[in-house]
Amino acid sequence: MKTPWEKFALPGDRPAYARGESAEFRKALREIFGPLIDRVERWPAGPREWLMAEVPSEGSLGAFFRDLEGRLAPTGSLWVVFPKKPFLEELSFPYSWTDVQRAGLACGLVDNKVAAFSARLTSIRFVIPIASRKSRPASGR
């Protein structure tokens, strides 16, 4: 039987970090990952193999993705978490799934997996395209 976190492909023995403010995000994070990832208030410096971020309901999606894209290691994974369509209004989230996907793509990332995060939250994994990885510097923000 698979564990709840297997679908999120953690980076083995390398650190994994998550950042999000809502109580629902934090609760699901604890239930799915337990001590396997570090919840942070600020992203650690340097390129990272695995990041998970709750998409904020305010501000620019483009700025959100540009910041996170710059923090990824060339082969890193970025999971973004946000409300599922039936809960957008209830959770006061102004963006659709398509808005979130397009913002990630516009920053040069590609999406390659979708996974339920909780009953009301979904997630999309973004990565740096293979063709862009060799030209990418090894240092992040």
Protein backbone atom coordinates (compact mmCIF):
# COMPACT_ATOMS: atom_id res chain seq x y z
CA MET A 1 0.00 0.00 0.00
CA LYS A 2 1.32 3.43 -0.97
CA THR A 3 1.93 6.06 1.64
CA PRO A 4 0.10 9.41 1.27
CA TRP A 5 3.29 11.24 0.34
CA GLU A 6 4.55 8.89 -2.40
CA LYS A 7 2.66 10.68 -5.16
CA PHE A 8 4.66 13.83 -4.39
CA ALA A 9 8.08 12.22 -5.16
CA LEU A 10 10.17 13.55 -2.29
CA PRO A 11 13.88 14.01 -3.05
CA GLY A 12 15.24 11.06 -1.06
CA ASP A 13 17.72 12.20 1.56
CA ARG A 14 17.83 15.80 0.34
CA PRO A 15 15.77 18.43 2.20
CA ALA A 16 12.25 19.31 1.13
CA TYR A 17 10.57 22.59 2.06
CA ALA A 18 7.00 23.84 2.15
CA ARG A 19 5.52 27.27 2.69
CA GLY A 20 1.89 28.22 3.13
CA GLU A 21 -0.32 30.21 5.44
CA SER A 22 -3.78 28.68 5.55
CA ALA A 23 -4.78 26.36 8.37
CA GLU A 24 -6.04 23.84 5.80
CA PHE A 25 -2.69 23.77 4.00
CA ARG A 26 -0.74 23.36 7.24
CA LYS A 27 -3.05 20.59 8.48
CA ALA A 28 -2.86 18.62 5.22
CA LEU A 29 0.90 19.11 5.14
CA ARG A 30 1.24 17.53 8.60
CA GLU A 31 -1.14 14.68 7.73
CA ILE A 32 0.55 13.82 4.43
CA PHE A 33 4.21 14.39 5.19
CA GLY A 34 4.64 14.44 8.98
CA PRO A 35 8.32 15.13 9.68
CA LEU A 36 9.50 14.41 6.11
CA ILE A 37 9.48 18.04 5.05
CA ASP A 38 10.28 21.33 6.74
CA ARG A 39 7.58 24.00 6.83
CA VAL A 40 9.32 27.35 6.55
CA GLU A 41 8.37 31.00 6.85
CA ARG A 42 11.15 31.97 4.42
CA TRP A 43 12.76 29.89 1.71
CA PRO A 44 16.32 28.78 2.47
CA ALA A 45 19.03 30.20 0.25
CA GLY A 46 20.40 28.18 -2.61
CA PRO A 47 18.87 25.93 -5.23
CA ARG A 48 16.42 23.36 -3.88
CA GLU A 49 15.36 19.96 -5.18
CA TRP A 50 11.81 20.03 -3.79
CA LEU A 51 9.58 22.97 -2.90
CA MET A 52 5.87 23.12 -2.14
CA ALA A 53 4.10 26.46 -1.94
CA GLU A 54 0.53 27.47 -1.31
CA VAL A 55 -0.53 29.89 -4.04
CA PRO A 56 -1.45 33.21 -2.39
CA SER A 57 -4.89 34.64 -3.07
CA GLU A 58 -3.44 38.13 -3.42
CA GLY A 59 -0.62 39.49 -5.52
CA SER A 60 0.82 38.57 -8.87
CA LEU A 61 0.90 34.93 -9.98
CA GLY A 62 3.76 35.84 -12.28
CA ALA A 63 5.85 37.24 -9.42
CA PHE A 64 5.01 34.18 -7.29
CA PHE A 65 6.24 31.79 -9.99
CA ARG A 66 9.30 33.87 -10.97
CA ASP A 67 10.49 33.83 -7.37
CA LEU A 68 10.02 30.08 -6.98
CA GLU A 69 11.47 29.21 -10.39
CA GLY A 70 14.65 31.00 -9.37
CA ARG A 71 14.92 28.82 -6.26
CA LEU A 72 14.73 25.47 -8.05
CA ALA A 73 17.72 23.24 -8.69
CA PRO A 74 17.91 22.26 -12.38
CA THR A 75 16.21 18.91 -11.71
CA GLY A 76 14.00 20.22 -8.89
CA SER A 77 10.26 19.94 -8.43
CA LEU A 78 7.93 22.77 -7.51
CA TRP A 79 4.50 21.78 -6.18
CA VAL A 80 1.93 24.57 -5.97
CA VAL A 81 -1.21 24.08 -3.90
CA PHE A 82 -4.51 25.92 -4.30
CA PRO A 83 -8.28 25.35 -3.99
CA LYS A 84 -10.13 22.92 -6.21
CA LYS A 85 -12.72 24.48 -8.54
CA PRO A 86 -15.81 23.80 -6.35
CA PHE A 87 -14.14 25.63 -3.44
CA LEU A 88 -12.69 28.72 -5.17
CA GLU A 89 -15.43 31.06 -4.01
CA GLU A 90 -15.75 29.57 -0.53
CA LEU A 91 -12.00 29.93 0.03
CA SER A 92 -11.90 33.42 -1.58
CA PHE A 93 -9.41 32.33 -4.20
CA PRO A 94 -9.51 34.52 -7.33
CA TYR A 95 -7.59 32.30 -9.76
CA SER A 96 -8.73 29.29 -11.77
CA TRP A 97 -6.68 26.13 -12.33
CA THR A 98 -5.93 27.45 -15.83
CA ASP A 99 -4.71 30.81 -14.43
CA VAL A 100 -2.26 29.02 -12.14
CA GLN A 101 -1.05 26.67 -14.88
CA ARG A 102 -0.56 29.49 -17.40
CA ALA A 103 1.40 31.59 -14.90
CA GLY A 104 3.80 28.69 -14.30
CA LEU A 105 4.19 28.05 -18.02
CA ALA A 106 4.80 31.76 -18.67
CA CYS A 107 7.79 31.58 -16.31
CA GLY A 108 9.37 28.88 -18.43
CA LEU A 109 8.32 25.91 -16.32
CA VAL A 110 6.37 22.86 -17.50
CA ASP A 111 3.66 21.09 -15.53
CA ASN A 112 3.90 17.33 -15.47
CA LYS A 113 1.70 16.06 -12.65
CA VAL A 114 -1.48 16.88 -10.75
CA ALA A 115 -2.31 15.43 -7.34
CA ALA A 116 -5.07 15.94 -4.79
CA PHE A 117 -3.65 17.59 -1.69
CA SER A 118 -6.75 17.50 0.50
CA ALA A 119 -10.51 17.32 0.08
CA ARG A 120 -10.58 20.98 -0.97
CA LEU A 121 -7.05 21.61 -2.26
CA THR A 122 -5.26 20.39 -5.38
CA SER A 123 -1.64 20.63 -6.49
CA ILE A 124 0.33 20.88 -9.71
CA ARG A 125 3.99 19.90 -10.09
CA PHE A 126 6.15 22.15 -12.24
CA VAL A 127 9.71 21.45 -13.36
CA ILE A 128 12.35 23.14 -15.46
CA PRO A 129 12.22 21.76 -19.03
CA ILE A 130 14.99 19.28 -19.77
CA ALA A 131 16.27 21.44 -22.64
CA SER A 132 16.77 24.38 -20.23
CA ARG A 133 18.52 22.49 -17.44
CA LYS A 134 22.07 22.48 -18.84
CA SER A 135 22.12 26.22 -19.37
CA ARG A 136 20.77 26.88 -15.89
CA PRO A 137 23.21 28.05 -13.20
CA ALA A 138 23.52 25.68 -10.24
CA SER A 139 22.86 28.43 -7.69
CA GLY A 140 19.39 29.62 -6.72
CA ARG A 141 18.32 32.63 -4.68
